[in-house]
PDB file of N, CA and C in Angstrom:
ATOM      1  N   UNK A   1      -5.396  11.240   4.553  1.00  0.00           N
ATOM      2  CA  UNK A   1      -4.770  10.093   3.923  1.00  0.00           C
ATOM      3  C   UNK A   1      -5.638   9.695   2.723  1.00  0.00           C
ATOM      4  N   UNK A   2      -5.024   9.643   1.548  1.00  0.00           N
ATOM      5  CA  UNK A   2      -5.775   9.319   0.340  1.00  0.00           C
ATOM      6  C   UNK A   2      -5.657   7.863  -0.087  1.00  0.00           C
ATOM      7  N   UNK A   3      -4.598   7.189   0.327  1.00  0.00           N
ATOM      8  CA  UNK A   3      -4.425   5.775  -0.008  1.00  0.00           C
ATOM      9  C   UNK A   3      -4.038   4.992   1.245  1.00  0.00           C
ATOM     10  N   UNK A   4      -4.391   3.714   1.231  1.00  0.00           N
ATOM     11  CA  UNK A   4      -4.021   2.804   2.321  1.00  0.00           C
ATOM     12  C   UNK A   4      -3.543   1.510   1.687  1.00  0.00           C
ATOM     13  N   UNK A   5      -2.402   1.029   2.143  1.00  0.00           N
ATOM     14  CA  UNK A   5      -1.872  -0.251   1.684  1.00  0.00           C
ATOM     15  C   UNK A   5      -2.812  -1.360   2.154  1.00  0.00           C
ATOM     16  N   UNK A   6      -3.025  -2.358   1.309  1.00  0.00           N
ATOM     17  CA  UNK A   6      -3.933  -3.452   1.687  1.00  0.00           C
ATOM     18  C   UNK A   6      -3.511  -4.128   2.984  1.00  0.00           C
ATOM     19  N   UNK A   7      -2.216  -4.220   3.220  1.00  0.00           N
ATOM     20  CA  UNK A   7      -1.730  -4.867   4.439  1.00  0.00           C
ATOM     21  C   UNK A   7      -2.060  -4.062   5.692  1.00  0.00           C
ATOM     22  N   UNK A   8      -2.401  -2.781   5.541  1.00  0.00           N
ATOM     23  CA  UNK A   8      -2.690  -1.919   6.687  1.00  0.00           C
ATOM     24  C   UNK A   8      -4.181  -1.785   6.974  1.00  0.00           C
ATOM     25  N   UNK A   9      -5.012  -2.484   6.218  1.00  0.00           N
ATOM     26  CA  UNK A   9      -6.453  -2.374   6.405  1.00  0.00           C
ATOM     27  C   UNK A   9      -6.894  -3.314   7.524  1.00  0.00           C
ATOM     28  N   UNK A  10      -7.625  -2.751   8.472  1.00  0.00           N
ATOM     29  CA  UNK A  10      -8.161  -3.509   9.610  1.00  0.00           C
ATOM     30  C   UNK A  10      -9.677  -3.330   9.623  1.00  0.00           C
ATOM     31  N   UNK A  11     -10.419  -4.129  10.393  1.00  0.00           N
ATOM     32  CA  UNK A  11     -11.874  -4.040  10.367  1.00  0.00           C
ATOM     33  C   UNK A  11     -12.440  -2.631  10.581  1.00  0.00           C
ATOM     34  N   UNK A  12     -11.804  -1.818  11.380  1.00  0.00           N
ATOM     35  CA  UNK A  12     -12.308  -0.477  11.645  1.00  0.00           C
ATOM     36  C   UNK A  12     -12.204   0.482  10.477  1.00  0.00           C
ATOM     37  N   UNK A  13     -11.466   0.108   9.443  1.00  0.00           N
ATOM     38  CA  UNK A  13     -11.294   1.007   8.299  1.00  0.00           C
ATOM     39  C   UNK A  13     -12.302   0.737   7.186  1.00  0.00           C
ATOM     40  N   UNK A  14     -13.237  -0.169   7.391  1.00  0.00           N
ATOM     41  CA  UNK A  14     -14.221  -0.498   6.351  1.00  0.00           C
ATOM     42  C   UNK A  14     -14.964   0.728   5.817  1.00  0.00           C
ATOM     43  N   UNK A  15     -15.451   1.643   6.660  1.00  0.00           N
ATOM     44  CA  UNK A  15     -16.133   2.814   6.113  1.00  0.00           C
ATOM     45  C   UNK A  15     -15.214   3.682   5.237  1.00  0.00           C
ATOM     46  N   UNK A  16     -13.926   3.605   5.485  1.00  0.00           N
ATOM     47  CA  UNK A  16     -12.962   4.417   4.759  1.00  0.00           C
ATOM     48  C   UNK A  16     -12.533   3.788   3.441  1.00  0.00           C
ATOM     49  N   UNK A  17     -12.547   2.439   3.360  1.00  0.00           N
ATOM     50  CA  UNK A  17     -12.024   1.763   2.171  1.00  0.00           C
ATOM     51  C   UNK A  17     -13.047   0.891   1.448  1.00  0.00           C
ATOM     52  N   UNK A  18     -14.161   0.570   2.085  1.00  0.00           N
ATOM     53  CA  UNK A  18     -15.181  -0.258   1.456  1.00  0.00           C
ATOM     54  C   UNK A  18     -15.030  -1.727   1.801  1.00  0.00           C
ATOM     55  N   UNK A  19     -16.042  -2.486   1.440  1.00  0.00           N
ATOM     56  CA  UNK A  19     -16.114  -3.895   1.803  1.00  0.00           C
ATOM     57  C   UNK A  19     -15.111  -4.785   1.103  1.00  0.00           C
ATOM     58  N   UNK A  20     -14.882  -4.551  -0.180  1.00  0.00           N
ATOM     59  CA  UNK A  20     -13.961  -5.415  -0.915  1.00  0.00           C
ATOM     60  C   UNK A  20     -12.537  -5.278  -0.372  1.00  0.00           C
ATOM     61  N   UNK A  21     -12.082  -4.049  -0.176  1.00  0.00           N
ATOM     62  CA  UNK A  21     -10.735  -3.835   0.363  1.00  0.00           C
ATOM     63  C   UNK A  21     -10.640  -4.384   1.784  1.00  0.00           C
ATOM     64  N   UNK A  22     -11.705  -4.240   2.553  1.00  0.00           N
ATOM     65  CA  UNK A  22     -11.719  -4.775   3.912  1.00  0.00           C
ATOM     66  C   UNK A  22     -11.584  -6.298   3.886  1.00  0.00           C
ATOM     67  N   UNK A  23     -12.261  -6.931   2.933  1.00  0.00           N
ATOM     68  CA  UNK A  23     -12.152  -8.385   2.780  1.00  0.00           C
ATOM     69  C   UNK A  23     -10.752  -8.814   2.393  1.00  0.00           C
ATOM     70  N   UNK A  24     -10.122  -8.056   1.510  1.00  0.00           N
ATOM     71  CA  UNK A  24      -8.741  -8.382   1.124  1.00  0.00           C
ATOM     72  C   UNK A  24      -7.795  -8.228   2.314  1.00  0.00           C
ATOM     73  N   UNK A  25      -8.023  -7.198   3.116  1.00  0.00           N
ATOM     74  CA  UNK A  25      -7.214  -7.022   4.330  1.00  0.00           C
ATOM     75  C   UNK A  25      -7.391  -8.189   5.286  1.00  0.00           C
ATOM     76  N   UNK A  26      -8.612  -8.680   5.412  1.00  0.00           N
ATOM     77  CA  UNK A  26      -8.882  -9.823   6.286  1.00  0.00           C
ATOM     78  C   UNK A  26      -8.176 -11.077   5.770  1.00  0.00           C
ATOM     79  N   UNK A  27      -8.181 -11.268   4.452  1.00  0.00           N
ATOM     80  CA  UNK A  27      -7.469 -12.411   3.874  1.00  0.00           C
ATOM     81  C   UNK A  27      -5.976 -12.325   4.154  1.00  0.00           C
ATOM     82  N   UNK A  28      -5.411 -11.144   4.030  1.00  0.00           N
ATOM     83  CA  UNK A  28      -3.989 -10.965   4.330  1.00  0.00           C
ATOM     84  C   UNK A  28      -3.688 -11.300   5.786  1.00  0.00           C
ATOM     85  N   UNK A  29      -4.528 -10.813   6.708  1.00  0.00           N
ATOM     86  CA  UNK A  29      -4.319 -11.096   8.131  1.00  0.00           C
ATOM     87  C   UNK A  29      -4.453 -12.583   8.432  1.00  0.00           C
ATOM     88  N   UNK A  30      -5.249 -13.287   7.633  1.00  0.00           N
ATOM     89  CA  UNK A  30      -5.435 -14.726   7.830  1.00  0.00           C
ATOM     90  C   UNK A  30      -4.304 -15.540   7.202  1.00  0.00           C
ATOM     91  N   UNK A  31      -3.378 -14.859   6.530  1.00  0.00           N
ATOM     92  CA  UNK A  31      -2.236 -15.557   5.944  1.00  0.00           C
ATOM     93  C   UNK A  31      -2.446 -16.014   4.512  1.00  0.00           C
ATOM     94  N   UNK A  32      -3.542 -15.599   3.902  1.00  0.00           N
ATOM     95  CA  UNK A  32      -3.801 -15.986   2.514  1.00  0.00           C
ATOM     96  C   UNK A  32      -2.943 -15.152   1.564  1.00  0.00           C
ATOM     97  N   UNK A  33      -2.734 -15.696   0.384  1.00  0.00           N
ATOM     98  CA  UNK A  33      -1.956 -14.985  -0.629  1.00  0.00           C
ATOM     99  C   UNK A  33      -2.853 -13.987  -1.359  1.00  0.00           C
ATOM    100  N   UNK A  34      -2.489 -12.729  -1.273  1.00  0.00           N
ATOM    101  CA  UNK A  34      -3.213 -11.651  -1.937  1.00  0.00           C
ATOM    102  C   UNK A  34      -2.164 -10.774  -2.614  1.00  0.00           C
ATOM    103  N   UNK A  35      -2.361 -10.396  -3.867  1.00  0.00           N
ATOM    104  CA  UNK A  35      -1.387  -9.512  -4.524  1.00  0.00           C
ATOM    105  C   UNK A  35      -1.225  -8.202  -3.759  1.00  0.00           C
ATOM    106  N   UNK A  36      -0.027  -7.661  -3.808  1.00  0.00           N
ATOM    107  CA  UNK A  36       0.211  -6.371  -3.173  1.00  0.00           C
ATOM    108  C   UNK A  36      -0.676  -5.327  -3.822  1.00  0.00           C
ATOM    109  N   UNK A  37      -1.080  -4.352  -3.048  1.00  0.00           N
ATOM    110  CA  UNK A  37      -1.908  -3.306  -3.612  1.00  0.00           C
ATOM    111  C   UNK A  37      -2.272  -2.255  -2.587  1.00  0.00           C
ATOM    112  N   UNK A  38      -3.058  -1.326  -3.030  1.00  0.00           N
ATOM    113  CA  UNK A  38      -3.527  -0.248  -2.176  1.00  0.00           C
ATOM    114  C   UNK A  38      -4.937   0.117  -2.627  1.00  0.00           C
ATOM    115  N   UNK A  39      -5.597   0.938  -1.845  1.00  0.00           N
ATOM    116  CA  UNK A  39      -6.903   1.413  -2.264  1.00  0.00           C
ATOM    117  C   UNK A  39      -7.006   2.896  -1.964  1.00  0.00           C
ATOM    118  N   UNK A  40      -7.830   3.556  -2.732  1.00  0.00           N
ATOM    119  CA  UNK A  40      -8.134   4.949  -2.471  1.00  0.00           C
ATOM    120  C   UNK A  40      -9.191   5.009  -1.379  1.00  0.00           C
ATOM    121  N   UNK A  41      -9.057   5.954  -0.494  1.00  0.00           N
ATOM    122  CA  UNK A  41     -10.031   6.078   0.578  1.00  0.00           C
ATOM    123  C   UNK A  41     -11.221   6.914   0.115  1.00  0.00           C
ATOM    124  N   UNK A  42     -12.273   6.880   0.893  1.00  0.00           N
ATOM    125  CA  UNK A  42     -13.428   7.705   0.581  1.00  0.00           C
ATOM    126  C   UNK A  42     -13.096   9.188   0.742  1.00  0.00           C
ATOM    127  N   UNK A  43     -12.045   9.497   1.502  1.00  0.00           N
ATOM    128  CA  UNK A  43     -11.607  10.877   1.665  1.00  0.00           C
ATOM    129  C   UNK A  43     -10.978  11.419   0.381  1.00  0.00           C
ATOM    130  N   UNK A  44     -10.430  10.519  -0.436  1.00  0.00           N
ATOM    131  CA  UNK A  44      -9.774  10.945  -1.676  1.00  0.00           C
ATOM    132  C   UNK A  44     -10.822  11.467  -2.634  1.00  0.00           C
TER     133      UNK A  44
END
């Protein structure tokens, strides 16, 4: 998998997507407004 939607990022994916994307995923799960987006994984 080369990309992950921000809405699909969970705490366990931090090594795969990095801290900033993990933080955005946490904000989304908390109900905060975050623009739609995706991130490239470290596998890409």
